[in-house]
Amino acid sequence: MLNVTLDLKQPKAVSLAKQLVSKADIVIENFAAGVIERLGLGYSELQRVKPDLIMLSSCNQGQTGRRAAQRGFGSQLTSMSGFTHLTGYGPG
């Protein structure tokens, strides 16, 4: 497993990301819907680099729908889904 941090708004970083993808089997990303495509690293673009790539896009608010463009964190999702109600709140 390889974990890296890149500033994907920089062209050199996008190029480096594509080089890394060429050696990868799986890519997992969790940007808000549409962000990865705007950065030039969407699935169709990465398939040109690695045709048999497996890619998981897991954004907090879903890929479509009225909240798709919203960014979020796990605590927001657990509250919106009702999970916090089931498990309760921690001390404090």
PDB file of N, CA and C in Angstrom:
ATOM      1  N   MET A   1       0.845  -1.169   0.000  1.00  0.00           N
ATOM      2  CA  MET A   1       0.000   0.000   0.000  1.00  0.00           C
ATOM      3  C   MET A   1       0.891   1.233   0.000  1.00  0.00           C
ATOM      4  N   LEU A   2       0.482   2.235  -0.758  1.00  0.00           N
ATOM      5  CA  LEU A   2       1.227   3.485  -0.838  1.00  0.00           C
ATOM      6  C   LEU A   2       0.279   4.629  -0.539  1.00  0.00           C
ATOM      7  N   ASN A   3       0.696   5.508   0.328  1.00  0.00           N
ATOM      8  CA  ASN A   3      -0.062   6.718   0.633  1.00  0.00           C
ATOM      9  C   ASN A   3       0.824   7.912   0.322  1.00  0.00           C
ATOM     10  N   VAL A   4       0.295   8.869  -0.404  1.00  0.00           N
ATOM     11  CA  VAL A   4       1.050  10.079  -0.729  1.00  0.00           C
ATOM     12  C   VAL A   4       0.148  11.292  -0.571  1.00  0.00           C
ATOM     13  N   THR A   5       0.770  12.443  -0.436  1.00  0.00           N
ATOM     14  CA  THR A   5       0.045  13.705  -0.415  1.00  0.00           C
ATOM     15  C   THR A   5       0.575  14.556  -1.559  1.00  0.00           C
ATOM     16  N   LEU A   6      -0.325  14.993  -2.430  1.00  0.00           N
ATOM     17  CA  LEU A   6       0.055  15.819  -3.577  1.00  0.00           C
ATOM     18  C   LEU A   6      -0.875  17.019  -3.659  1.00  0.00           C
ATOM     19  N   ASP A   7      -0.360  18.155  -4.076  1.00  0.00           N
ATOM     20  CA  ASP A   7      -1.183  19.325  -4.357  1.00  0.00           C
ATOM     21  C   ASP A   7      -1.661  19.193  -5.799  1.00  0.00           C
ATOM     22  N   LEU A   8      -2.829  18.615  -5.973  1.00  0.00           N
ATOM     23  CA  LEU A   8      -3.319  18.270  -7.309  1.00  0.00           C
ATOM     24  C   LEU A   8      -3.743  19.476  -8.143  1.00  0.00           C
ATOM     25  N   LYS A   9      -3.593  20.664  -7.602  1.00  0.00           N
ATOM     26  CA  LYS A   9      -3.829  21.865  -8.402  1.00  0.00           C
ATOM     27  C   LYS A   9      -2.576  22.246  -9.190  1.00  0.00           C
ATOM     28  N   GLN A  10      -1.492  21.529  -8.930  1.00  0.00           N
ATOM     29  CA  GLN A  10      -0.232  21.765  -9.633  1.00  0.00           C
ATOM     30  C   GLN A  10      -0.069  20.730 -10.749  1.00  0.00           C
ATOM     31  N   PRO A  11       0.208  21.173 -11.975  1.00  0.00           N
ATOM     32  CA  PRO A  11       0.349  20.233 -13.099  1.00  0.00           C
ATOM     33  C   PRO A  11       1.369  19.119 -12.859  1.00  0.00           C
ATOM     34  N   LYS A  12       2.491  19.433 -12.209  1.00  0.00           N
ATOM     35  CA  LYS A  12       3.500  18.401 -11.934  1.00  0.00           C
ATOM     36  C   LYS A  12       2.938  17.321 -11.016  1.00  0.00           C
ATOM     37  N   ALA A  13       2.103  17.727 -10.069  1.00  0.00           N
ATOM     38  CA  ALA A  13       1.514  16.759  -9.139  1.00  0.00           C
ATOM     39  C   ALA A  13       0.534  15.843  -9.860  1.00  0.00           C
ATOM     40  N   VAL A  14      -0.247  16.391 -10.792  1.00  0.00           N
ATOM     41  CA  VAL A  14      -1.181  15.572 -11.572  1.00  0.00           C
ATOM     42  C   VAL A  14      -0.404  14.571 -12.411  1.00  0.00           C
ATOM     43  N   SER A  15       0.677  15.023 -13.013  1.00  0.00           N
ATOM     44  CA  SER A  15       1.527  14.129 -13.800  1.00  0.00           C
ATOM     45  C   SER A  15       2.108  13.019 -12.928  1.00  0.00           C
ATOM     46  N   LEU A  16       2.572  13.362 -11.741  1.00  0.00           N
ATOM     47  CA  LEU A  16       3.108  12.366 -10.816  1.00  0.00           C
ATOM     48  C   LEU A  16       2.016  11.393 -10.383  1.00  0.00           C
ATOM     49  N   ALA A  17       0.813  11.910 -10.139  1.00  0.00           N
ATOM     50  CA  ALA A  17      -0.301  11.037  -9.758  1.00  0.00           C
ATOM     51  C   ALA A  17      -0.575  10.012 -10.859  1.00  0.00           C
ATOM     52  N   LYS A  18      -0.543  10.446 -12.100  1.00  0.00           N
ATOM     53  CA  LYS A  18      -0.776   9.523 -13.216  1.00  0.00           C
ATOM     54  C   LYS A  18       0.331   8.479 -13.316  1.00  0.00           C
ATOM     55  N   GLN A  19       1.556   8.876 -13.022  1.00  0.00           N
ATOM     56  CA  GLN A  19       2.658   7.905 -13.011  1.00  0.00           C
ATOM     57  C   GLN A  19       2.430   6.851 -11.930  1.00  0.00           C
ATOM     58  N   LEU A  20       1.978   7.298 -10.766  1.00  0.00           N
ATOM     59  CA  LEU A  20       1.700   6.356  -9.678  1.00  0.00           C
ATOM     60  C   LEU A  20       0.550   5.418 -10.045  1.00  0.00           C
ATOM     61  N   VAL A  21      -0.487   5.979 -10.675  1.00  0.00           N
ATOM     62  CA  VAL A  21      -1.639   5.169 -11.086  1.00  0.00           C
ATOM     63  C   VAL A  21      -1.219   4.100 -12.087  1.00  0.00           C
ATOM     64  N   SER A  22      -0.262   4.398 -12.936  1.00  0.00           N
ATOM     65  CA  SER A  22       0.176   3.418 -13.934  1.00  0.00           C
ATOM     66  C   SER A  22       0.731   2.151 -13.285  1.00  0.00           C
ATOM     67  N   LYS A  23       1.156   2.250 -12.039  1.00  0.00           N
ATOM     68  CA  LYS A  23       1.691   1.095 -11.303  1.00  0.00           C
ATOM     69  C   LYS A  23       0.682   0.511 -10.313  1.00  0.00           C
ATOM     70  N   ALA A  24      -0.469   1.140 -10.183  1.00  0.00           N
ATOM     71  CA  ALA A  24      -1.455   0.747  -9.167  1.00  0.00           C
ATOM     72  C   ALA A  24      -2.482  -0.235  -9.723  1.00  0.00           C
ATOM     73  N   ASP A  25      -3.088  -0.985  -8.836  1.00  0.00           N
ATOM     74  CA  ASP A  25      -4.221  -1.835  -9.193  1.00  0.00           C
ATOM     75  C   ASP A  25      -5.534  -1.138  -8.841  1.00  0.00           C
ATOM     76  N   ILE A  26      -5.522  -0.415  -7.710  1.00  0.00           N
ATOM     77  CA  ILE A  26      -6.735   0.202  -7.175  1.00  0.00           C
ATOM     78  C   ILE A  26      -6.437   1.639  -6.768  1.00  0.00           C
ATOM     79  N   VAL A  27      -7.371   2.545  -7.065  1.00  0.00           N
ATOM     80  CA  VAL A  27      -7.307   3.930  -6.599  1.00  0.00           C
ATOM     81  C   VAL A  27      -8.587   4.206  -5.821  1.00  0.00           C
ATOM     82  N   ILE A  28      -8.439   4.787  -4.636  1.00  0.00           N
ATOM     83  CA  ILE A  28      -9.583   5.175  -3.810  1.00  0.00           C
ATOM     84  C   ILE A  28      -9.496   6.682  -3.595  1.00  0.00           C
ATOM     85  N   GLU A  29     -10.597   7.385  -3.870  1.00  0.00           N
ATOM     86  CA  GLU A  29     -10.630   8.831  -3.642  1.00  0.00           C
ATOM     87  C   GLU A  29     -11.943   9.205  -2.975  1.00  0.00           C
ATOM     88  N   ASN A  30     -11.918  10.312  -2.210  1.00  0.00           N
ATOM     89  CA  ASN A  30     -13.136  10.738  -1.526  1.00  0.00           C
ATOM     90  C   ASN A  30     -13.354  12.243  -1.611  1.00  0.00           C
ATOM     91  N   PHE A  31     -13.079  12.812  -2.785  1.00  0.00           N
ATOM     92  CA  PHE A  31     -13.405  14.210  -3.020  1.00  0.00           C
ATOM     93  C   PHE A  31     -14.919  14.359  -3.169  1.00  0.00           C
ATOM     94  N   ALA A  32     -15.409  15.602  -3.059  1.00  0.00           N
ATOM     95  CA  ALA A  32     -16.813  15.867  -3.371  1.00  0.00           C
ATOM     96  C   ALA A  32     -17.047  15.517  -4.844  1.00  0.00           C
ATOM     97  N   ALA A  33     -18.286  15.235  -5.184  1.00  0.00           N
ATOM     98  CA  ALA A  33     -18.630  14.811  -6.545  1.00  0.00           C
ATOM     99  C   ALA A  33     -18.112  15.811  -7.578  1.00  0.00           C
ATOM    100  N   GLY A  34     -17.461  15.303  -8.611  1.00  0.00           N
ATOM    101  CA  GLY A  34     -16.986  16.121  -9.719  1.00  0.00           C
ATOM    102  C   GLY A  34     -15.598  16.712  -9.555  1.00  0.00           C
ATOM    103  N   VAL A  35     -15.077  16.728  -8.339  1.00  0.00           N
ATOM    104  CA  VAL A  35     -13.773  17.361  -8.103  1.00  0.00           C
ATOM    105  C   VAL A  35     -12.652  16.600  -8.798  1.00  0.00           C
ATOM    106  N   ILE A  36     -12.640  15.295  -8.666  1.00  0.00           N
ATOM    107  CA  ILE A  36     -11.552  14.499  -9.246  1.00  0.00           C
ATOM    108  C   ILE A  36     -11.516  14.649 -10.775  1.00  0.00           C
ATOM    109  N   GLU A  37     -12.684  14.782 -11.392  1.00  0.00           N
ATOM    110  CA  GLU A  37     -12.740  14.999 -12.840  1.00  0.00           C
ATOM    111  C   GLU A  37     -12.168  16.366 -13.199  1.00  0.00           C
ATOM    112  N   ARG A  38     -12.519  17.391 -12.415  1.00  0.00           N
ATOM    113  CA  ARG A  38     -12.003  18.738 -12.693  1.00  0.00           C
ATOM    114  C   ARG A  38     -10.483  18.809 -12.529  1.00  0.00           C
ATOM    115  N   LEU A  39      -9.942  17.957 -11.702  1.00  0.00           N
ATOM    116  CA  LEU A  39      -8.492  17.912 -11.514  1.00  0.00           C
ATOM    117  C   LEU A  39      -7.787  17.135 -12.627  1.00  0.00           C
ATOM    118  N   GLY A  40      -8.568  16.518 -13.515  1.00  0.00           N
ATOM    119  CA  GLY A  40      -7.985  15.744 -14.610  1.00  0.00           C
ATOM    120  C   GLY A  40      -7.612  14.329 -14.225  1.00  0.00           C
ATOM    121  N   LEU A  41      -8.222  13.830 -13.139  1.00  0.00           N
ATOM    122  CA  LEU A  41      -7.894  12.487 -12.658  1.00  0.00           C
ATOM    123  C   LEU A  41      -9.130  11.613 -12.500  1.00  0.00           C
ATOM    124  N   GLY A  42     -10.158  11.891 -13.282  1.00  0.00           N
ATOM    125  CA  GLY A  42     -11.362  11.070 -13.242  1.00  0.00           C
ATOM    126  C   GLY A  42     -11.104   9.679 -13.803  1.00  0.00           C
ATOM    127  N   TYR A  43     -12.067   8.795 -13.617  1.00  0.00           N
ATOM    128  CA  TYR A  43     -11.908   7.402 -14.031  1.00  0.00           C
ATOM    129  C   TYR A  43     -11.589   7.273 -15.518  1.00  0.00           C
ATOM    130  N   SER A  44     -12.292   8.011 -16.360  1.00  0.00           N
ATOM    131  CA  SER A  44     -12.044   7.892 -17.809  1.00  0.00           C
ATOM    132  C   SER A  44     -10.626   8.343 -18.161  1.00  0.00           C
ATOM    133  N   GLU A  45     -10.133   9.361 -17.492  1.00  0.00           N
ATOM    134  CA  GLU A  45      -8.759   9.827 -17.733  1.00  0.00           C
ATOM    135  C   GLU A  45      -7.741   8.802 -17.234  1.00  0.00           C
ATOM    136  N   LEU A  46      -7.989   8.247 -16.051  1.00  0.00           N
ATOM    137  CA  LEU A  46      -7.041   7.287 -15.482  1.00  0.00           C
ATOM    138  C   LEU A  46      -7.059   5.950 -16.223  1.00  0.00           C
ATOM    139  N   GLN A  47      -8.180   5.616 -16.854  1.00  0.00           N
ATOM    140  CA  GLN A  47      -8.234   4.392 -17.660  1.00  0.00           C
ATOM    141  C   GLN A  47      -7.289   4.469 -18.854  1.00  0.00           C
ATOM    142  N   ARG A  48      -7.027   5.668 -19.338  1.00  0.00           N
ATOM    143  CA  ARG A  48      -6.063   5.830 -20.434  1.00  0.00           C
ATOM    144  C   ARG A  48      -4.650   5.489 -19.966  1.00  0.00           C
ATOM    145  N   VAL A  49      -4.400   5.745 -18.688  1.00  0.00           N
ATOM    146  CA  VAL A  49      -3.090   5.458 -18.098  1.00  0.00           C
ATOM    147  C   VAL A  49      -2.987   3.987 -17.721  1.00  0.00           C
ATOM    148  N   LYS A  50      -4.079   3.436 -17.189  1.00  0.00           N
ATOM    149  CA  LYS A  50      -4.103   2.047 -16.694  1.00  0.00           C
ATOM    150  C   LYS A  50      -5.473   1.457 -17.039  1.00  0.00           C
ATOM    151  N   PRO A  51      -5.602   0.799 -18.189  1.00  0.00           N
ATOM    152  CA  PRO A  51      -6.905   0.315 -18.663  1.00  0.00           C
ATOM    153  C   PRO A  51      -7.642  -0.620 -17.705  1.00  0.00           C
ATOM    154  N   ASP A  52      -6.915  -1.413 -16.914  1.00  0.00           N
ATOM    155  CA  ASP A  52      -7.588  -2.360 -16.022  1.00  0.00           C
ATOM    156  C   ASP A  52      -7.708  -1.835 -14.587  1.00  0.00           C
ATOM    157  N   LEU A  53      -7.636  -0.518 -14.423  1.00  0.00           N
ATOM    158  CA  LEU A  53      -7.699   0.108 -13.104  1.00  0.00           C
ATOM    159  C   LEU A  53      -9.054  -0.114 -12.437  1.00  0.00           C
ATOM    160  N   ILE A  54      -9.023  -0.381 -11.157  1.00  0.00           N
ATOM    161  CA  ILE A  54     -10.223  -0.419 -10.318  1.00  0.00           C
ATOM    162  C   ILE A  54     -10.218   0.872  -9.512  1.00  0.00           C
ATOM    163  N   MET A  55     -11.334   1.617  -9.548  1.00  0.00           N
ATOM    164  CA  MET A  55     -11.378   2.903  -8.850  1.00  0.00           C
ATOM    165  C   MET A  55     -12.634   3.000  -8.009  1.00  0.00           C
ATOM    166  N   LEU A  56     -12.463   3.407  -6.758  1.00  0.00           N
ATOM    167  CA  LEU A  56     -13.579   3.645  -5.844  1.00  0.00           C
ATOM    168  C   LEU A  56     -13.660   5.136  -5.573  1.00  0.00           C
ATOM    169  N   SER A  57     -14.798   5.724  -5.903  1.00  0.00           N
ATOM    170  CA  SER A  57     -15.061   7.126  -5.578  1.00  0.00           C
ATOM    171  C   SER A  57     -16.131   7.146  -4.503  1.00  0.00           C
ATOM    172  N   SER A  58     -15.759   7.625  -3.339  1.00  0.00           N
ATOM    173  CA  SER A  58     -16.656   7.565  -2.185  1.00  0.00           C
ATOM    174  C   SER A  58     -16.797   8.946  -1.564  1.00  0.00           C
ATOM    175  N   CYS A  59     -17.729   9.735  -2.077  1.00  0.00           N
ATOM    176  CA  CYS A  59     -17.919  11.063  -1.494  1.00  0.00           C
ATOM    177  C   CYS A  59     -19.028  11.017  -0.446  1.00  0.00           C
ATOM    178  N   ASN A  60     -18.917  11.880   0.521  1.00  0.00           N
ATOM    179  CA  ASN A  60     -19.795  11.891   1.686  1.00  0.00           C
ATOM    180  C   ASN A  60     -21.267  12.066   1.327  1.00  0.00           C
ATOM    181  N   GLN A  61     -21.568  12.913   0.372  1.00  0.00           N
ATOM    182  CA  GLN A  61     -22.958  13.247   0.069  1.00  0.00           C
ATOM    183  C   GLN A  61     -23.496  12.555  -1.183  1.00  0.00           C
ATOM    184  N   GLY A  62     -22.739  11.630  -1.768  1.00  0.00           N
ATOM    185  CA  GLY A  62     -23.190  10.918  -2.955  1.00  0.00           C
ATOM    186  C   GLY A  62     -22.726  11.591  -4.234  1.00  0.00           C
ATOM    187  N   GLN A  63     -22.779  10.868  -5.345  1.00  0.00           N
ATOM    188  CA  GLN A  63     -22.318  11.384  -6.635  1.00  0.00           C
ATOM    189  C   GLN A  63     -23.373  12.240  -7.334  1.00  0.00           C
ATOM    190  N   THR A  64     -24.637  12.039  -6.985  1.00  0.00           N
ATOM    191  CA  THR A  64     -25.722  12.798  -7.604  1.00  0.00           C
ATOM    192  C   THR A  64     -26.664  13.282  -6.513  1.00  0.00           C
ATOM    193  N   GLY A  65     -27.574  14.148  -6.881  1.00  0.00           N
ATOM    194  CA  GLY A  65     -28.559  14.644  -5.925  1.00  0.00           C
ATOM    195  C   GLY A  65     -28.238  16.049  -5.454  1.00  0.00           C
ATOM    196  N   ARG A  66     -29.131  16.599  -4.662  1.00  0.00           N
ATOM    197  CA  ARG A  66     -29.017  18.009  -4.280  1.00  0.00           C
ATOM    198  C   ARG A  66     -27.831  18.313  -3.378  1.00  0.00           C
ATOM    199  N   ARG A  67     -27.305  17.333  -2.690  1.00  0.00           N
ATOM    200  CA  ARG A  67     -26.168  17.570  -1.795  1.00  0.00           C
ATOM    201  C   ARG A  67     -24.839  17.072  -2.363  1.00  0.00           C
ATOM    202  N   ALA A  68     -24.826  16.637  -3.591  1.00  0.00           N
ATOM    203  CA  ALA A  68     -23.624  16.014  -4.172  1.00  0.00           C
ATOM    204  C   ALA A  68     -22.398  16.918  -4.131  1.00  0.00           C
ATOM    205  N   ALA A  69     -22.561  18.215  -4.320  1.00  0.00           N
ATOM    206  CA  ALA A  69     -21.411  19.124  -4.358  1.00  0.00           C
ATOM    207  C   ALA A  69     -20.923  19.530  -2.970  1.00  0.00           C
ATOM    208  N   GLN A  70     -21.666  19.174  -1.936  1.00  0.00           N
ATOM    209  CA  GLN A  70     -21.262  19.551  -0.580  1.00  0.00           C
ATOM    210  C   GLN A  70     -20.139  18.662  -0.076  1.00  0.00           C
ATOM    211  N   ARG A  71     -19.202  19.285   0.600  1.00  0.00           N
ATOM    212  CA  ARG A  71     -18.147  18.524   1.259  1.00  0.00           C
ATOM    213  C   ARG A  71     -18.638  18.144   2.642  1.00  0.00           C
ATOM    214  N   GLY A  72     -18.063  17.110   3.198  1.00  0.00           N
ATOM    215  CA  GLY A  72     -18.489  16.717   4.527  1.00  0.00           C
ATOM    216  C   GLY A  72     -17.483  15.831   5.218  1.00  0.00           C
ATOM    217  N   PHE A  73     -17.772  15.547   6.458  1.00  0.00           N
ATOM    218  CA  PHE A  73     -16.933  14.695   7.285  1.00  0.00           C
ATOM    219  C   PHE A  73     -17.790  13.590   7.873  1.00  0.00           C
ATOM    220  N   GLY A  74     -17.157  12.592   8.436  1.00  0.00           N
ATOM    221  CA  GLY A  74     -17.863  11.443   8.981  1.00  0.00           C
ATOM    222  C   GLY A  74     -18.916  11.795  10.003  1.00  0.00           C
ATOM    223  N   SER A  75     -18.628  12.769  10.873  1.00  0.00           N
ATOM    224  CA  SER A  75     -19.599  13.122  11.911  1.00  0.00           C
ATOM    225  C   SER A  75     -20.876  13.697  11.302  1.00  0.00           C
ATOM    226  N   GLN A  76     -20.766  14.418  10.199  1.00  0.00           N
ATOM    227  CA  GLN A  76     -21.958  14.931   9.531  1.00  0.00           C
ATOM    228  C   GLN A  76     -22.793  13.790   8.969  1.00  0.00           C
ATOM    229  N   LEU A  77     -22.125  12.840   8.349  1.00  0.00           N
ATOM    230  CA  LEU A  77     -22.832  11.723   7.739  1.00  0.00           C
ATOM    231  C   LEU A  77     -23.505  10.847   8.788  1.00  0.00           C
ATOM    232  N   THR A  78     -22.835  10.601   9.908  1.00  0.00           N
ATOM    233  CA  THR A  78     -23.461   9.774  10.946  1.00  0.00           C
ATOM    234  C   THR A  78     -24.683  10.468  11.523  1.00  0.00           C
ATOM    235  N   SER A  79     -24.634  11.783  11.656  1.00  0.00           N
ATOM    236  CA  SER A  79     -25.798  12.517  12.158  1.00  0.00           C
ATOM    237  C   SER A  79     -26.937  12.515  11.148  1.00  0.00           C
ATOM    238  N   MET A  80     -26.616  12.765   9.871  1.00  0.00           N
ATOM    239  CA  MET A  80     -27.653  12.808   8.839  1.00  0.00           C
ATOM    240  C   MET A  80     -28.313  11.450   8.625  1.00  0.00           C
ATOM    241  N   SER A  81     -27.563  10.381   8.831  1.00  0.00           N
ATOM    242  CA  SER A  81     -28.113   9.045   8.597  1.00  0.00           C
ATOM    243  C   SER A  81     -28.903   8.511   9.787  1.00  0.00           C
ATOM    244  N   GLY A  82     -28.814   9.191  10.927  1.00  0.00           N
ATOM    245  CA  GLY A  82     -29.507   8.721  12.122  1.00  0.00           C
ATOM    246  C   GLY A  82     -28.656   7.819  12.995  1.00  0.00           C
ATOM    247  N   PHE A  83     -27.434   7.542  12.577  1.00  0.00           N
ATOM    248  CA  PHE A  83     -26.566   6.644  13.336  1.00  0.00           C
ATOM    249  C   PHE A  83     -26.251   7.208  14.719  1.00  0.00           C
ATOM    250  N   THR A  84     -26.069   8.525  14.807  1.00  0.00           N
ATOM    251  CA  THR A  84     -25.788   9.154  16.098  1.00  0.00           C
ATOM    252  C   THR A  84     -26.953   8.940  17.057  1.00  0.00           C
ATOM    253  N   HIS A  85     -28.166   8.983  16.549  1.00  0.00           N
ATOM    254  CA  HIS A  85     -29.348   8.743  17.386  1.00  0.00           C
ATOM    255  C   HIS A  85     -29.324   7.324  17.954  1.00  0.00           C
ATOM    256  N   LEU A  86     -28.898   6.375  17.146  1.00  0.00           N
ATOM    257  CA  LEU A  86     -28.863   4.981  17.595  1.00  0.00           C
ATOM    258  C   LEU A  86     -27.768   4.719  18.618  1.00  0.00           C
ATOM    259  N   THR A  87     -26.630   5.376  18.455  1.00  0.00           N
ATOM    260  CA  THR A  87     -25.484   5.085  19.322  1.00  0.00           C
ATOM    261  C   THR A  87     -25.325   6.069  20.463  1.00  0.00           C
ATOM    262  N   GLY A  88     -25.971   7.219  20.385  1.00  0.00           N
ATOM    263  CA  GLY A  88     -25.865   8.218  21.445  1.00  0.00           C
ATOM    264  C   GLY A  88     -24.656   9.112  21.270  1.00  0.00           C
ATOM    265  N   TYR A  89     -24.565  10.074  22.142  1.00  0.00           N
ATOM    266  CA  TYR A  89     -23.457  11.023  22.132  1.00  0.00           C
ATOM    267  C   TYR A  89     -22.471  10.640  23.214  1.00  0.00           C
ATOM    268  N   GLY A  90     -21.212  10.910  22.968  1.00  0.00           N
ATOM    269  CA  GLY A  90     -20.178  10.622  23.954  1.00  0.00           C
ATOM    270  C   GLY A  90     -20.212  11.623  25.095  1.00  0.00           C
ATOM    271  N   PRO A  91     -19.436  11.380  26.132  1.00  0.00           N
ATOM    272  CA  PRO A  91     -19.388  12.311  27.259  1.00  0.00           C
ATOM    273  C   PRO A  91     -18.902  13.689  26.815  1.00  0.00           C
ATOM    274  N   GLY A  92     -19.401  14.705  27.474  1.00  0.00           N
ATOM    275  CA  GLY A  92     -18.933  16.063  27.193  1.00  0.00           C
ATOM    276  C   GLY A  92     -19.937  16.814  26.472  1.00  0.00           C
TER     277      GLY A  92
END
